């Protein structure tokens, strides 16, 4: 799944991802794995932020 695909499902996650240093605009085509690595966070941390935004 890419950042763009994740944000289509969980648009409220944009702020949390940007706070972690994940590029949500120009880097939106990156996979979650690649985006996490580039931002210096674990995939688990990135996934937790997505799920937390889903749950409100």
Protein backbone atom coordinates (compact mmCIF):
# COMPACT_ATOMS: atom_id res chain seq x y z
CA UNK A 1 0.00 0.00 0.00
CA UNK A 2 1.25 3.46 -0.82
CA UNK A 3 1.01 6.61 1.27
CA UNK A 4 -1.61 7.97 -1.18
CA UNK A 5 -3.70 4.80 -0.89
CA UNK A 6 -3.51 4.91 2.91
CA UNK A 7 -4.56 8.55 2.99
CA UNK A 8 -7.55 7.82 0.76
CA UNK A 9 -8.70 5.35 3.42
CA UNK A 10 -7.63 7.40 6.44
CA UNK A 11 -7.42 11.08 5.47
CA UNK A 12 -7.26 12.15 9.11
CA UNK A 13 -3.82 10.53 9.34
CA UNK A 14 -2.11 13.22 7.27
CA UNK A 15 -1.11 15.32 10.28
CA UNK A 16 0.28 12.37 12.22
CA UNK A 17 2.28 11.15 9.23
CA UNK A 18 3.70 14.59 8.52
CA UNK A 19 4.65 14.97 12.21
CA UNK A 20 6.72 11.77 11.84
CA UNK A 21 8.47 13.21 8.80
CA UNK A 22 6.57 11.15 6.23
CA UNK A 23 6.26 13.01 2.92
CA UNK A 24 2.55 12.92 2.12
CA UNK A 25 2.57 15.01 -1.04
CA UNK A 26 5.49 14.40 -3.38
CA UNK A 27 6.32 11.10 -1.67
CA UNK A 28 2.75 9.84 -1.78
CA UNK A 29 3.55 7.06 -4.26
CA UNK A 30 6.05 5.49 -1.86
CA UNK A 31 5.10 2.29 -0.11
CA UNK A 32 4.41 2.45 3.60
CA UNK A 33 7.60 0.46 4.19
CA UNK A 34 9.75 2.83 2.15
CA UNK A 35 8.13 5.94 3.62
CA UNK A 36 8.68 4.67 7.17
CA UNK A 37 12.32 3.90 6.47
CA UNK A 38 12.92 7.29 4.86
CA UNK A 39 11.30 9.04 7.85
CA UNK A 40 13.36 6.99 10.31
CA UNK A 41 10.39 5.31 11.98
CA UNK A 42 9.36 1.69 12.11
CA UNK A 43 6.59 0.36 9.93
CA UNK A 44 4.76 -0.57 13.15
CA UNK A 45 4.86 3.07 14.29
CA UNK A 46 3.57 4.31 10.96
CA UNK A 47 0.82 1.68 10.89
CA UNK A 48 -0.20 2.53 14.45
CA UNK A 49 -0.63 6.19 13.44
CA UNK A 50 -2.87 5.16 10.53
CA UNK A 51 -4.98 2.92 12.72
CA UNK A 52 -5.24 5.52 15.49
CA UNK A 53 -6.57 8.06 12.98
CA UNK A 54 -9.11 5.53 11.77
CA UNK A 55 -10.36 5.02 15.31
CA UNK A 56 -10.70 8.75 15.84
